[in-house]
Amino acid sequence: MKTASIKDIPGWLPAALAIALTAALTACVPATPRLDAELGKAVNMAKALQVANPDASNADPVKGIDGQAGDAIVDNYRESFVNPRPALSGGVVNVGSGRAGAGGGGGSTVGGGMGGR
């Protein structure tokens, strides 16, 4: 009786077995395990963030400008794109005093500046 040895195994057989084993094991794993668990969370979070006050109909009216003023503001905004105002002309606009950090008042004085008054 003849015994088999390692020399009798063809060279391609171990590689083929490794490929087959890898393919078999990956078939058992879901393709998107983490994505499936998180499915819908982004949509639900976006919906929750869009609801600022679910009881808004039971609360006092919104404080601010009235409806007519708000409508006029929106109309003026839209009209500014249809008929834009011409750019200002007249040269250079002076925006500073020439010193870096000059804030226009409230500088240090004798006695501690603003806090000493």
C-alpha atoms as a PDB file:
ATOM      1  CA  MET A   1       0.000   0.000   0.000  1.00  0.00           C
ATOM      2  CA  LYS A   2       1.315   3.372  -1.022  1.00  0.00           C
ATOM      3  CA  THR A   3       1.017   6.356   1.355  1.00  0.00           C
ATOM      4  CA  ALA A   4       0.365   9.859   0.069  1.00  0.00           C
ATOM      5  CA  SER A   5       2.875  12.566   0.776  1.00  0.00           C
ATOM      6  CA  ILE A   6       2.904  16.321   0.446  1.00  0.00           C
ATOM      7  CA  LYS A   7       4.798  16.017  -2.790  1.00  0.00           C
ATOM      8  CA  ASP A   8       1.759  14.304  -4.382  1.00  0.00           C
ATOM      9  CA  ILE A   9      -0.521  17.410  -3.860  1.00  0.00           C
ATOM     10  CA  PRO A  10      -0.661  19.655  -6.923  1.00  0.00           C
ATOM     11  CA  GLY A  11       0.685  23.216  -6.372  1.00  0.00           C
ATOM     12  CA  TRP A  12      -2.574  24.937  -7.286  1.00  0.00           C
ATOM     13  CA  LEU A  13      -4.771  22.979  -4.845  1.00  0.00           C
ATOM     14  CA  PRO A  14      -3.930  24.921  -1.620  1.00  0.00           C
ATOM     15  CA  ALA A  15      -4.556  28.246  -3.375  1.00  0.00           C
ATOM     16  CA  ALA A  16      -7.863  26.999  -4.784  1.00  0.00           C
ATOM     17  CA  LEU A  17      -8.959  25.767  -1.349  1.00  0.00           C
ATOM     18  CA  ALA A  18      -8.064  29.128   0.241  1.00  0.00           C
ATOM     19  CA  ILE A  19     -10.081  31.015  -2.395  1.00  0.00           C
ATOM     20  CA  ALA A  20     -13.065  28.687  -1.984  1.00  0.00           C
ATOM     21  CA  LEU A  21     -12.956  28.997   1.823  1.00  0.00           C
ATOM     22  CA  THR A  22     -12.753  32.789   1.632  1.00  0.00           C
ATOM     23  CA  ALA A  23     -15.709  32.957  -0.764  1.00  0.00           C
ATOM     24  CA  ALA A  24     -17.768  30.657   1.465  1.00  0.00           C
ATOM     25  CA  LEU A  25     -17.070  32.685   4.608  1.00  0.00           C
ATOM     26  CA  THR A  26     -17.835  36.060   3.012  1.00  0.00           C
ATOM     27  CA  ALA A  27     -21.179  34.756   1.784  1.00  0.00           C
ATOM     28  CA  CYS A  28     -22.311  34.415   5.409  1.00  0.00           C
ATOM     29  CA  VAL A  29     -21.582  38.042   6.346  1.00  0.00           C
ATOM     30  CA  PRO A  30     -24.192  40.697   5.538  1.00  0.00           C
ATOM     31  CA  ALA A  31     -22.954  43.269   3.033  1.00  0.00           C
ATOM     32  CA  THR A  32     -23.966  46.321   5.104  1.00  0.00           C
ATOM     33  CA  PRO A  33     -24.315  45.324   8.774  1.00  0.00           C
ATOM     34  CA  ARG A  34     -23.708  48.799  10.166  1.00  0.00           C
ATOM     35  CA  LEU A  35     -25.698  50.600   7.489  1.00  0.00           C
ATOM     36  CA  ASP A  36     -28.718  48.374   8.017  1.00  0.00           C
ATOM     37  CA  ALA A  37     -28.690  49.119  11.743  1.00  0.00           C
ATOM     38  CA  GLU A  38     -28.533  52.884  11.092  1.00  0.00           C
ATOM     39  CA  LEU A  39     -31.154  52.906   8.315  1.00  0.00           C
ATOM     40  CA  GLY A  40     -33.539  55.856   8.650  1.00  0.00           C
ATOM     41  CA  LYS A  41     -31.779  57.623  11.513  1.00  0.00           C
ATOM     42  CA  ALA A  42     -30.666  60.549   9.345  1.00  0.00           C
ATOM     43  CA  VAL A  43     -34.179  61.113   8.025  1.00  0.00           C
ATOM     44  CA  ASN A  44     -35.717  60.876  11.480  1.00  0.00           C
ATOM     45  CA  MET A  45     -33.128  63.288  12.882  1.00  0.00           C
ATOM     46  CA  ALA A  46     -33.773  65.784  10.069  1.00  0.00           C
ATOM     47  CA  LYS A  47     -37.532  65.601  10.690  1.00  0.00           C
ATOM     48  CA  ALA A  48     -37.024  66.155  14.418  1.00  0.00           C
ATOM     49  CA  LEU A  49     -34.766  69.148  13.824  1.00  0.00           C
ATOM     50  CA  GLN A  50     -37.325  70.753  11.520  1.00  0.00           C
ATOM     51  CA  VAL A  51     -39.959  70.781  14.244  1.00  0.00           C
ATOM     52  CA  ALA A  52     -38.994  73.799  16.344  1.00  0.00           C
ATOM     53  CA  ASN A  53     -42.135  73.912  18.463  1.00  0.00           C
ATOM     54  CA  PRO A  54     -44.753  71.171  18.072  1.00  0.00           C
ATOM     55  CA  ASP A  55     -47.249  73.150  20.219  1.00  0.00           C
ATOM     56  CA  ALA A  56     -46.934  76.370  18.213  1.00  0.00           C
ATOM     57  CA  SER A  57     -50.656  76.509  17.443  1.00  0.00           C
ATOM     58  CA  ASN A  58     -51.451  76.638  21.178  1.00  0.00           C
ATOM     59  CA  ALA A  59     -48.965  79.414  21.980  1.00  0.00           C
ATOM     60  CA  ASP A  60     -49.108  83.190  21.720  1.00  0.00           C
ATOM     61  CA  PRO A  61     -48.608  84.699  18.279  1.00  0.00           C
ATOM     62  CA  VAL A  62     -45.078  85.349  17.120  1.00  0.00           C
ATOM     63  CA  LYS A  63     -43.715  88.675  18.277  1.00  0.00           C
ATOM     64  CA  GLY A  64     -42.030  90.850  15.686  1.00  0.00           C
ATOM     65  CA  ILE A  65     -43.109  92.726  12.605  1.00  0.00           C
ATOM     66  CA  ASP A  66     -46.667  92.504  11.371  1.00  0.00           C
ATOM     67  CA  GLY A  67     -47.693  90.716   8.197  1.00  0.00           C
ATOM     68  CA  GLN A  68     -47.987  93.838   6.024  1.00  0.00           C
ATOM     69  CA  ALA A  69     -44.475  95.023   6.923  1.00  0.00           C
ATOM     70  CA  GLY A  70     -43.059  91.549   6.323  1.00  0.00           C
ATOM     71  CA  ASP A  71     -44.804  91.368   2.953  1.00  0.00           C
ATOM     72  CA  ALA A  72     -43.364  94.765   1.964  1.00  0.00           C
ATOM     73  CA  ILE A  73     -39.864  93.648   2.966  1.00  0.00           C
ATOM     74  CA  VAL A  74     -40.107  90.501   0.849  1.00  0.00           C
ATOM     75  CA  ASP A  75     -41.504  92.482  -2.105  1.00  0.00           C
ATOM     76  CA  ASN A  76     -38.639  95.005  -1.877  1.00  0.00           C
ATOM     77  CA  TYR A  77     -36.128  92.154  -1.694  1.00  0.00           C
ATOM     78  CA  ARG A  78     -37.520  90.492  -4.813  1.00  0.00           C
ATOM     79  CA  GLU A  79     -37.724  93.842  -6.629  1.00  0.00           C
ATOM     80  CA  SER A  80     -34.031  94.483  -5.889  1.00  0.00           C
ATOM     81  CA  PHE A  81     -33.145  91.599  -8.223  1.00  0.00           C
ATOM     82  CA  VAL A  82     -35.437  92.790 -11.014  1.00  0.00           C
ATOM     83  CA  ASN A  83     -34.389  96.470 -10.856  1.00  0.00           C
ATOM     84  CA  PRO A  84     -31.051  96.670  -9.016  1.00  0.00           C
ATOM     85  CA  ARG A  85     -29.872 100.046  -7.761  1.00  0.00           C
ATOM     86  CA  PRO A  86     -26.861 101.531  -9.555  1.00  0.00           C
ATOM     87  CA  ALA A  87     -23.536 101.245  -7.750  1.00  0.00           C
ATOM     88  CA  LEU A  88     -22.425 104.221  -5.692  1.00  0.00           C
ATOM     89  CA  SER A  89     -19.859 106.429  -7.333  1.00  0.00           C
ATOM     90  CA  GLY A  90     -17.690 109.099  -5.860  1.00  0.00           C
ATOM     91  CA  GLY A  91     -14.278 107.661  -5.243  1.00  0.00           C
ATOM     92  CA  VAL A  92     -12.683 106.178  -2.166  1.00  0.00           C
ATOM     93  CA  VAL A  93     -14.595 105.581   1.023  1.00  0.00           C
ATOM     94  CA  ASN A  94     -12.665 106.358   4.211  1.00  0.00           C
ATOM     95  CA  VAL A  95     -13.196 103.474   6.624  1.00  0.00           C
ATOM     96  CA  GLY A  96     -10.579 104.070   9.307  1.00  0.00           C
ATOM     97  CA  SER A  97      -8.505 106.578  11.191  1.00  0.00           C
ATOM     98  CA  GLY A  98      -5.175 105.336   9.896  1.00  0.00           C
ATOM     99  CA  ARG A  99      -4.142 103.540  13.090  1.00  0.00           C
ATOM    100  CA  ALA A 100      -4.367  99.795  13.435  1.00  0.00           C
ATOM    101  CA  GLY A 101      -6.703  98.843  16.264  1.00  0.00           C
ATOM    102  CA  ALA A 102      -8.323 102.267  16.582  1.00  0.00           C
ATOM    103  CA  GLY A 103     -11.849 101.421  17.604  1.00  0.00           C
ATOM    104  CA  GLY A 104     -13.302 104.897  17.520  1.00  0.00           C
ATOM    105  CA  GLY A 105     -13.462 105.963  21.135  1.00  0.00           C
ATOM    106  CA  GLY A 106     -13.310 104.480  24.568  1.00  0.00           C
ATOM    107  CA  GLY A 107      -9.521 104.501  24.566  1.00  0.00           C
ATOM    108  CA  SER A 108      -7.392 104.473  27.652  1.00  0.00           C
ATOM    109  CA  THR A 109      -7.510 107.592  29.780  1.00  0.00           C
ATOM    110  CA  VAL A 110      -6.024 108.553  33.090  1.00  0.00           C
ATOM    111  CA  GLY A 111      -7.854 106.649  35.783  1.00  0.00           C
ATOM    112  CA  GLY A 112      -8.292 103.320  34.005  1.00  0.00           C
ATOM    113  CA  GLY A 113     -10.269 104.080  30.859  1.00  0.00           C
ATOM    114  CA  MET A 114     -13.952 103.200  30.727  1.00  0.00           C
ATOM    115  CA  GLY A 115     -13.879 101.377  34.042  1.00  0.00           C
ATOM    116  CA  GLY A 116     -12.598 104.405  35.946  1.00  0.00           C
ATOM    117  CA  ARG A 117     -15.551 106.631  35.117  1.00  0.00           C
END
